[in-house]
Amino acid sequence: MNTVALSGAPNAGKTTLFNWLTGSKYKAVNYPGSTVDFYTGNTLNLYQADFNIIDTPGTYSLAAKTPEEEVTIKVLFNDNFANKPEATIVVVDGTQLARHLALAKQIINCGYPTVIAITMADLLKKENCQLHIENIQQELGAPVVLVDGQLGGGVKELILKLKSIIGIKNKIEMRTW
């Protein structure tokens, strides 16, 4: 089973997405530091994907300044961590793209196969904001999916993109043997 870390800024929608992916019922709250440890769960059978998902505490960058951020860094980069992720889903609040995409770039530059999940799609739609997903994908070199946390829109597409990037990673690793 492949392990995937959910990472992103505080209040970006990580726990809500984790609940959609795993069927968990963790309460999402609206203040920084609400997730101070990590949670794990397996994807629901309806997605026909067998992933172990880790919901990490929010962080604004890979330079940890708080104990919560240190937990996220440990999950992502400590080789002694039991379930080191093979890939990441970087959760980005669509209403704060400029600020949140900096972390996405840092994680991608570290070599993690990554899918970007842009949340708050419902708020963007309400404000009549159009995102140019193709431009964001091209700039980051990673697939991007809009996710609606209220209705679960985009979660199946996110799983498909995740399967794709992990499949590519696995093929590359097989060739190096």
C-alpha atoms as a PDB file:
ATOM      1  CA  MET A   1       0.000   0.000   0.000  1.00  0.00           C
ATOM      2  CA  ASN A   2       1.387   3.389  -0.971  1.00  0.00           C
ATOM      3  CA  THR A   3       1.471   6.142   1.624  1.00  0.00           C
ATOM      4  CA  VAL A   4       0.486   9.690   0.698  1.00  0.00           C
ATOM      5  CA  ALA A   5       0.869  12.782   2.877  1.00  0.00           C
ATOM      6  CA  LEU A   6      -1.622  15.622   2.864  1.00  0.00           C
ATOM      7  CA  SER A   7       0.317  18.817   3.419  1.00  0.00           C
ATOM      8  CA  GLY A   8      -0.525  22.488   3.219  1.00  0.00           C
ATOM      9  CA  ALA A   9      -1.075  25.649   5.197  1.00  0.00           C
ATOM     10  CA  PRO A  10      -3.284  25.756   8.279  1.00  0.00           C
ATOM     11  CA  ASN A  11      -6.994  25.965   7.389  1.00  0.00           C
ATOM     12  CA  ALA A  12      -6.402  25.062   3.742  1.00  0.00           C
ATOM     13  CA  GLY A  13      -8.825  22.127   3.955  1.00  0.00           C
ATOM     14  CA  LYS A  14      -6.510  19.187   4.657  1.00  0.00           C
ATOM     15  CA  THR A  15      -8.689  17.530   7.293  1.00  0.00           C
ATOM     16  CA  THR A  16     -11.860  17.996   5.238  1.00  0.00           C
ATOM     17  CA  LEU A  17     -10.146  16.343   2.269  1.00  0.00           C
ATOM     18  CA  PHE A  18      -8.789  13.605   4.558  1.00  0.00           C
ATOM     19  CA  ASN A  19     -12.352  12.900   5.688  1.00  0.00           C
ATOM     20  CA  TRP A  20     -13.567  12.645   2.072  1.00  0.00           C
ATOM     21  CA  LEU A  21     -10.704  10.304   1.153  1.00  0.00           C
ATOM     22  CA  THR A  22     -10.923   8.027   4.184  1.00  0.00           C
ATOM     23  CA  GLY A  23     -14.477   8.310   5.485  1.00  0.00           C
ATOM     24  CA  SER A  24     -13.141   9.644   8.780  1.00  0.00           C
ATOM     25  CA  LYS A  25     -15.110  12.136  10.818  1.00  0.00           C
ATOM     26  CA  TYR A  26     -12.412  14.421  12.187  1.00  0.00           C
ATOM     27  CA  LYS A  27     -13.755  17.867  12.946  1.00  0.00           C
ATOM     28  CA  ALA A  28     -12.308  20.628  10.828  1.00  0.00           C
ATOM     29  CA  VAL A  29     -11.876  23.835  12.808  1.00  0.00           C
ATOM     30  CA  ASN A  30     -10.951  27.308  11.690  1.00  0.00           C
ATOM     31  CA  TYR A  31      -7.803  28.217  13.583  1.00  0.00           C
ATOM     32  CA  PRO A  32      -4.080  27.511  13.129  1.00  0.00           C
ATOM     33  CA  GLY A  33      -2.596  24.694  15.148  1.00  0.00           C
ATOM     34  CA  SER A  34      -5.847  22.708  15.275  1.00  0.00           C
ATOM     35  CA  THR A  35      -4.089  19.601  13.986  1.00  0.00           C
ATOM     36  CA  VAL A  36      -1.001  19.175  16.141  1.00  0.00           C
ATOM     37  CA  ASP A  37      -0.344  15.526  15.377  1.00  0.00           C
ATOM     38  CA  PHE A  38      -0.930  13.494  12.270  1.00  0.00           C
ATOM     39  CA  TYR A  39      -3.820  11.166  11.500  1.00  0.00           C
ATOM     40  CA  THR A  40      -3.732   8.177   9.192  1.00  0.00           C
ATOM     41  CA  GLY A  41      -6.431   6.327   7.326  1.00  0.00           C
ATOM     42  CA  ASN A  42      -6.966   4.222   4.234  1.00  0.00           C
ATOM     43  CA  THR A  43      -8.868   5.409   1.190  1.00  0.00           C
ATOM     44  CA  LEU A  44     -12.480   4.332   0.915  1.00  0.00           C
ATOM     45  CA  ASN A  45     -13.186   1.306  -1.291  1.00  0.00           C
ATOM     46  CA  LEU A  46     -15.403   3.391  -3.569  1.00  0.00           C
ATOM     47  CA  TYR A  47     -12.261   5.072  -4.987  1.00  0.00           C
ATOM     48  CA  GLN A  48     -10.760   1.719  -6.048  1.00  0.00           C
ATOM     49  CA  ALA A  49      -7.392   2.842  -4.736  1.00  0.00           C
ATOM     50  CA  ASP A  50      -5.386   1.433  -1.882  1.00  0.00           C
ATOM     51  CA  PHE A  51      -3.620   4.393  -0.285  1.00  0.00           C
ATOM     52  CA  ASN A  52      -2.631   5.076   3.302  1.00  0.00           C
ATOM     53  CA  ILE A  53      -3.315   8.796   3.767  1.00  0.00           C
ATOM     54  CA  ILE A  54      -1.535  10.900   6.403  1.00  0.00           C
ATOM     55  CA  ASP A  55      -3.172  14.175   7.445  1.00  0.00           C
ATOM     56  CA  THR A  56      -0.313  16.381   8.646  1.00  0.00           C
ATOM     57  CA  PRO A  57      -0.496  19.615  10.647  1.00  0.00           C
ATOM     58  CA  GLY A  58      -0.511  22.856   8.702  1.00  0.00           C
ATOM     59  CA  THR A  59       2.727  24.508   7.677  1.00  0.00           C
ATOM     60  CA  TYR A  60       3.507  27.574   5.602  1.00  0.00           C
ATOM     61  CA  SER A  61       6.965  26.390   4.527  1.00  0.00           C
ATOM     62  CA  LEU A  62       9.484  23.607   4.985  1.00  0.00           C
ATOM     63  CA  ALA A  63      11.370  25.749   7.513  1.00  0.00           C
ATOM     64  CA  ALA A  64       9.552  24.631  10.661  1.00  0.00           C
ATOM     65  CA  LYS A  65       8.920  27.322  13.256  1.00  0.00           C
ATOM     66  CA  THR A  66       6.358  25.589  15.486  1.00  0.00           C
ATOM     67  CA  PRO A  67       6.013  22.096  16.991  1.00  0.00           C
ATOM     68  CA  GLU A  68       3.130  21.389  14.577  1.00  0.00           C
ATOM     69  CA  GLU A  69       5.279  22.278  11.589  1.00  0.00           C
ATOM     70  CA  GLU A  70       8.044  20.026  12.946  1.00  0.00           C
ATOM     71  CA  VAL A  71       5.602  17.098  12.894  1.00  0.00           C
ATOM     72  CA  THR A  72       4.910  17.715   9.203  1.00  0.00           C
ATOM     73  CA  ILE A  73       8.625  17.950   8.387  1.00  0.00           C
ATOM     74  CA  LYS A  74       9.264  14.698  10.268  1.00  0.00           C
ATOM     75  CA  VAL A  75       6.520  12.906   8.334  1.00  0.00           C
ATOM     76  CA  LEU A  76       7.879  14.138   4.998  1.00  0.00           C
ATOM     77  CA  PHE A  77      11.628  13.876   5.501  1.00  0.00           C
ATOM     78  CA  ASN A  78      12.616  11.573   8.376  1.00  0.00           C
ATOM     79  CA  ASP A  79      13.832   8.331   6.803  1.00  0.00           C
ATOM     80  CA  ASN A  80      13.204   6.565  10.116  1.00  0.00           C
ATOM     81  CA  PHE A  81       9.494   7.422  10.014  1.00  0.00           C
ATOM     82  CA  ALA A  82       7.638   4.108   9.681  1.00  0.00           C
ATOM     83  CA  ASN A  83       5.250   5.183   6.894  1.00  0.00           C
ATOM     84  CA  LYS A  84       7.348   7.643   4.903  1.00  0.00           C
ATOM     85  CA  PRO A  85       5.139   8.925   2.085  1.00  0.00           C
ATOM     86  CA  GLU A  86       5.793   8.046  -1.536  1.00  0.00           C
ATOM     87  CA  ALA A  87       3.812  11.051  -2.732  1.00  0.00           C
ATOM     88  CA  THR A  88       2.073  14.173  -1.485  1.00  0.00           C
ATOM     89  CA  ILE A  89      -1.165  15.979  -2.004  1.00  0.00           C
ATOM     90  CA  VAL A  90      -0.488  19.633  -1.338  1.00  0.00           C
ATOM     91  CA  VAL A  91      -3.742  21.246  -0.276  1.00  0.00           C
ATOM     92  CA  VAL A  92      -3.960  24.871  -1.385  1.00  0.00           C
ATOM     93  CA  ASP A  93      -6.693  27.325  -0.415  1.00  0.00           C
ATOM     94  CA  GLY A  94      -7.861  28.737  -3.743  1.00  0.00           C
ATOM     95  CA  THR A  95      -8.639  32.076  -2.126  1.00  0.00           C
ATOM     96  CA  GLN A  96      -4.972  32.431  -1.050  1.00  0.00           C
ATOM     97  CA  LEU A  97      -3.118  30.944  -4.017  1.00  0.00           C
ATOM     98  CA  ALA A  98      -0.014  33.137  -4.028  1.00  0.00           C
ATOM     99  CA  ARG A  99       0.722  32.438  -0.385  1.00  0.00           C
ATOM    100  CA  HIS A 100      -0.001  28.714  -0.465  1.00  0.00           C
ATOM    101  CA  LEU A 101       1.664  27.800  -3.764  1.00  0.00           C
ATOM    102  CA  ALA A 102       5.082  28.650  -2.285  1.00  0.00           C
ATOM    103  CA  LEU A 103       4.886  25.530  -0.087  1.00  0.00           C
ATOM    104  CA  ALA A 104       3.769  23.465  -3.069  1.00  0.00           C
ATOM    105  CA  LYS A 105       6.851  24.575  -5.004  1.00  0.00           C
ATOM    106  CA  GLN A 106       9.119  23.716  -2.060  1.00  0.00           C
ATOM    107  CA  ILE A 107       7.703  20.198  -1.774  1.00  0.00           C
ATOM    108  CA  ILE A 108       7.854  19.583  -5.527  1.00  0.00           C
ATOM    109  CA  ASN A 109      11.467  20.844  -5.598  1.00  0.00           C
ATOM    110  CA  CYS A 110      12.318  18.234  -2.946  1.00  0.00           C
ATOM    111  CA  GLY A 111      11.409  15.557  -5.465  1.00  0.00           C
ATOM    112  CA  TYR A 112       8.075  14.359  -4.129  1.00  0.00           C
ATOM    113  CA  PRO A 113       5.560  13.219  -6.726  1.00  0.00           C
ATOM    114  CA  THR A 114       2.792  15.711  -6.011  1.00  0.00           C
ATOM    115  CA  VAL A 115      -0.808  16.484  -6.842  1.00  0.00           C
ATOM    116  CA  ILE A 116      -2.095  19.953  -5.982  1.00  0.00           C
ATOM    117  CA  ALA A 117      -5.618  20.025  -4.544  1.00  0.00           C
ATOM    118  CA  ILE A 118      -7.088  23.506  -4.749  1.00  0.00           C
ATOM    119  CA  THR A 119      -9.803  23.795  -2.149  1.00  0.00           C
ATOM    120  CA  MET A 120     -12.461  26.411  -1.537  1.00  0.00           C
ATOM    121  CA  ALA A 121     -13.616  25.902  -5.126  1.00  0.00           C
ATOM    122  CA  ASP A 122     -17.143  26.678  -3.960  1.00  0.00           C
ATOM    123  CA  LEU A 123     -16.021  30.109  -2.724  1.00  0.00           C
ATOM    124  CA  LEU A 124     -14.180  30.801  -5.969  1.00  0.00           C
ATOM    125  CA  LYS A 125     -17.295  29.899  -7.954  1.00  0.00           C
ATOM    126  CA  LYS A 126     -19.451  32.118  -5.729  1.00  0.00           C
ATOM    127  CA  GLU A 127     -17.092  35.051  -6.386  1.00  0.00           C
ATOM    128  CA  ASN A 128     -17.081  34.248 -10.129  1.00  0.00           C
ATOM    129  CA  CYS A 129     -13.309  33.626 -10.073  1.00  0.00           C
ATOM    130  CA  GLN A 130     -11.863  31.549 -12.887  1.00  0.00           C
ATOM    131  CA  LEU A 131      -8.593  29.748 -12.239  1.00  0.00           C
ATOM    132  CA  HIS A 132      -6.376  28.828 -15.154  1.00  0.00           C
ATOM    133  CA  ILE A 133      -5.597  25.304 -13.991  1.00  0.00           C
ATOM    134  CA  GLU A 134      -3.470  24.535 -17.063  1.00  0.00           C
ATOM    135  CA  ASN A 135      -1.194  27.510 -16.317  1.00  0.00           C
ATOM    136  CA  ILE A 136      -0.780  26.473 -12.679  1.00  0.00           C
ATOM    137  CA  GLN A 137       0.024  22.893 -13.724  1.00  0.00           C
ATOM    138  CA  GLN A 138       2.571  24.095 -16.247  1.00  0.00           C
ATOM    139  CA  GLU A 139       4.204  26.469 -13.754  1.00  0.00           C
ATOM    140  CA  LEU A 140       4.460  23.817 -11.024  1.00  0.00           C
ATOM    141  CA  GLY A 141       5.034  20.748 -13.180  1.00  0.00           C
ATOM    142  CA  ALA A 142       2.375  18.881 -11.208  1.00  0.00           C
ATOM    143  CA  PRO A 143      -1.262  17.958 -11.796  1.00  0.00           C
ATOM    144  CA  VAL A 144      -3.847  20.274 -10.241  1.00  0.00           C
ATOM    145  CA  VAL A 145      -7.398  19.394  -9.207  1.00  0.00           C
ATOM    146  CA  LEU A 146     -10.167  21.681  -7.927  1.00  0.00           C
ATOM    147  CA  VAL A 147     -11.815  20.215  -4.821  1.00  0.00           C
ATOM    148  CA  ASP A 148     -15.150  21.168  -3.300  1.00  0.00           C
ATOM    149  CA  GLY A 149     -14.935  20.239   0.382  1.00  0.00           C
ATOM    150  CA  GLN A 150     -18.659  20.628   0.959  1.00  0.00           C
ATOM    151  CA  LEU A 151     -19.811  18.207  -1.724  1.00  0.00           C
ATOM    152  CA  GLY A 152     -16.687  16.150  -2.387  1.00  0.00           C
ATOM    153  CA  GLY A 153     -16.352  17.349  -5.949  1.00  0.00           C
ATOM    154  CA  GLY A 154     -12.980  16.621  -7.507  1.00  0.00           C
ATOM    155  CA  VAL A 155     -12.000  13.876  -5.030  1.00  0.00           C
ATOM    156  CA  LYS A 156     -12.349  11.055  -7.581  1.00  0.00           C
ATOM    157  CA  GLU A 157     -10.293  13.051 -10.100  1.00  0.00           C
ATOM    158  CA  LEU A 158      -7.688  13.646  -7.375  1.00  0.00           C
ATOM    159  CA  ILE A 159      -7.416   9.890  -6.791  1.00  0.00           C
ATOM    160  CA  LEU A 160      -6.955   9.282 -10.524  1.00  0.00           C
ATOM    161  CA  LYS A 161      -4.154  11.869 -10.693  1.00  0.00           C
ATOM    162  CA  LEU A 162      -2.556  10.336  -7.595  1.00  0.00           C
ATOM    163  CA  LYS A 163      -2.674   6.843  -9.125  1.00  0.00           C
ATOM    164  CA  SER A 164      -1.062   8.256 -12.255  1.00  0.00           C
ATOM    165  CA  ILE A 165       1.874   9.973 -10.544  1.00  0.00           C
ATOM    166  CA  ILE A 166       2.539   7.002  -8.268  1.00  0.00           C
ATOM    167  CA  GLY A 167       2.350   4.658 -11.259  1.00  0.00           C
ATOM    168  CA  ILE A 168       4.937   6.781 -13.087  1.00  0.00           C
ATOM    169  CA  LYS A 169       7.177   6.812  -9.983  1.00  0.00           C
ATOM    170  CA  ASN A 170       6.915   3.031  -9.635  1.00  0.00           C
ATOM    171  CA  LYS A 171       7.798   2.491 -13.309  1.00  0.00           C
ATOM    172  CA  ILE A 172      10.883   4.696 -12.950  1.00  0.00           C
ATOM    173  CA  GLU A 173      11.987   2.809  -9.837  1.00  0.00           C
ATOM    174  CA  MET A 174      11.528  -0.535 -11.588  1.00  0.00           C
ATOM    175  CA  ARG A 175      13.767   0.599 -14.459  1.00  0.00           C
ATOM    176  CA  THR A 176      16.558   1.529 -12.073  1.00  0.00           C
ATOM    177  CA  TRP A 177      16.856  -2.068 -10.845  1.00  0.00           C
END
